Protein backbone atom coordinates (compact mmCIF):
# COMPACT_ATOMS: atom_id res chain seq x y z
CA MET A 1 19.17 -3.42 -94.17
CA ALA A 2 17.60 -1.02 -91.75
CA LEU A 3 16.86 2.59 -92.32
CA ARG A 4 19.48 3.39 -89.73
CA HIS A 5 22.27 1.86 -91.86
CA ALA A 6 21.20 3.82 -95.02
CA VAL A 7 21.19 7.04 -93.05
CA LEU A 8 24.61 6.33 -91.48
CA ALA A 9 26.01 5.46 -94.94
CA ALA A 10 24.63 8.76 -96.32
CA LEU A 11 26.68 10.61 -93.66
CA LEU A 12 30.01 8.80 -94.31
CA ASP A 13 31.55 11.39 -96.64
CA GLU A 14 30.56 14.65 -95.05
CA GLU A 15 28.40 16.48 -92.54
CA LEU A 16 24.90 16.90 -93.78
CA SER A 17 21.67 18.49 -92.59
CA GLY A 18 18.54 16.45 -92.32
CA TYR A 19 17.36 17.95 -95.56
CA GLN A 20 20.60 17.05 -97.31
CA VAL A 21 20.46 13.48 -95.83
CA THR A 22 16.95 13.15 -97.30
CA LYS A 23 18.27 14.33 -100.69
CA ALA A 24 21.30 12.15 -100.59
CA PHE A 25 19.15 9.21 -99.52
CA ALA A 26 16.70 9.79 -102.39
CA ALA A 27 19.61 10.01 -104.94
CA GLY A 28 21.51 7.02 -103.49
CA VAL A 29 19.48 4.11 -102.12
CA ALA A 30 15.94 5.16 -103.06
CA ASN A 31 15.96 2.63 -105.90
CA PHE A 32 16.03 -0.24 -103.45
CA TRP A 33 15.04 1.25 -100.10
CA HIS A 34 12.22 3.83 -99.77
CA ALA A 35 11.74 6.17 -96.81
CA LEU A 36 9.70 9.28 -96.36
CA PRO A 37 11.52 12.48 -95.17
CA GLN A 38 9.70 12.21 -91.81
CA GLN A 39 11.21 8.71 -91.36
CA VAL A 40 14.67 10.01 -92.13
CA TYR A 41 14.38 12.88 -89.63
CA ALA A 42 13.04 10.52 -86.92
CA GLU A 43 15.87 8.12 -87.61
CA LEU A 44 18.49 10.94 -87.24
CA ALA A 45 16.99 11.82 -83.89
CA ARG A 46 17.21 8.14 -82.73
CA LEU A 47 20.77 7.79 -84.07
CA GLU A 48 21.79 10.98 -82.21
CA LYS A 49 20.15 9.76 -78.98
CA GLU A 50 22.02 6.45 -79.37
CA GLY A 51 25.33 8.22 -79.96
CA LEU A 52 25.79 6.89 -83.50
CA VAL A 53 25.68 10.36 -84.99
CA ALA A 54 26.41 13.76 -83.49
CA GLY A 55 24.74 17.06 -84.57
CA ARG A 56 25.72 20.65 -84.29
CA GLU A 57 23.71 23.74 -84.93
CA VAL A 58 24.79 26.20 -87.61
CA VAL A 59 23.48 29.78 -87.22
CA GLN A 60 22.39 31.29 -90.54
CA GLU A 61 21.61 34.87 -91.35
CA ALA A 62 18.13 35.57 -92.83
CA ARG A 63 17.39 31.81 -92.74
CA PRO A 64 16.44 29.44 -89.96
CA ASN A 65 19.32 27.73 -88.18
CA LYS A 66 20.15 24.25 -89.36
CA ARG A 67 21.64 21.15 -87.73
CA LEU A 68 24.52 19.29 -89.36
CA PHE A 69 25.15 15.62 -88.54
CA HIS A 70 28.20 13.41 -88.80
CA VAL A 71 28.83 9.79 -87.99
CA THR A 72 30.61 9.09 -84.64
CA GLY A 73 33.05 6.33 -83.89
CA GLU A 74 30.24 4.24 -82.56
CA GLY A 75 28.30 4.87 -85.71
CA LEU A 76 31.22 3.66 -87.81
CA ALA A 77 31.45 0.49 -85.71
CA GLU A 78 27.68 -0.08 -86.24
CA LEU A 79 28.19 0.20 -90.05
CA GLU A 80 31.23 -2.11 -89.97
CA SER A 81 29.20 -4.65 -88.04
CA PHE A 82 26.36 -4.31 -90.55
CA ALA A 83 28.70 -4.60 -93.51
CA SER A 84 30.39 -7.70 -92.17
CA THR A 85 27.13 -9.53 -91.44
CA ALA A 86 25.88 -11.93 -94.14
CA ALA A 87 22.93 -10.44 -95.93
CA LYS A 88 19.61 -12.24 -95.86
CA PRO A 89 18.58 -13.39 -99.34
CA SER A 90 15.64 -11.58 -100.74
CA PHE A 91 13.27 -12.66 -103.45
CA LEU A 92 12.30 -10.15 -106.04
CA ARG A 93 9.18 -10.48 -108.13
CA GLU A 94 9.41 -7.62 -110.49
CA ASP A 95 7.83 -7.35 -113.90
CA LEU A 96 10.72 -5.22 -115.17
CA LEU A 97 13.26 -7.95 -114.37
CA VAL A 98 11.27 -10.55 -116.32
CA GLN A 99 10.96 -8.11 -119.21
CA VAL A 100 14.74 -7.54 -119.22
CA GLN A 101 15.29 -11.32 -119.14
CA ALA A 102 12.91 -11.83 -122.01
């Protein structure tokens, strides 16, 4: 899985700002995929440049304007391709898993 797929998946249900994507990412896939907020913002910029997400600016009173992002048709196709590709097996070496087994 690439960060791009995790960010696209975070945007599937609704339009989100970069801050909200970071929060959704932390609540959703952070247990098995870690990314810093700066990485998420950079990935959003790349995805928008590639046409996989689209953003729009929302003007707010007494607060800075924010940008909301949503997945485009091309982004959905990218996620469908990712989801249909066989995953590479990974090997976990985690003390907690051994403790649970014991």
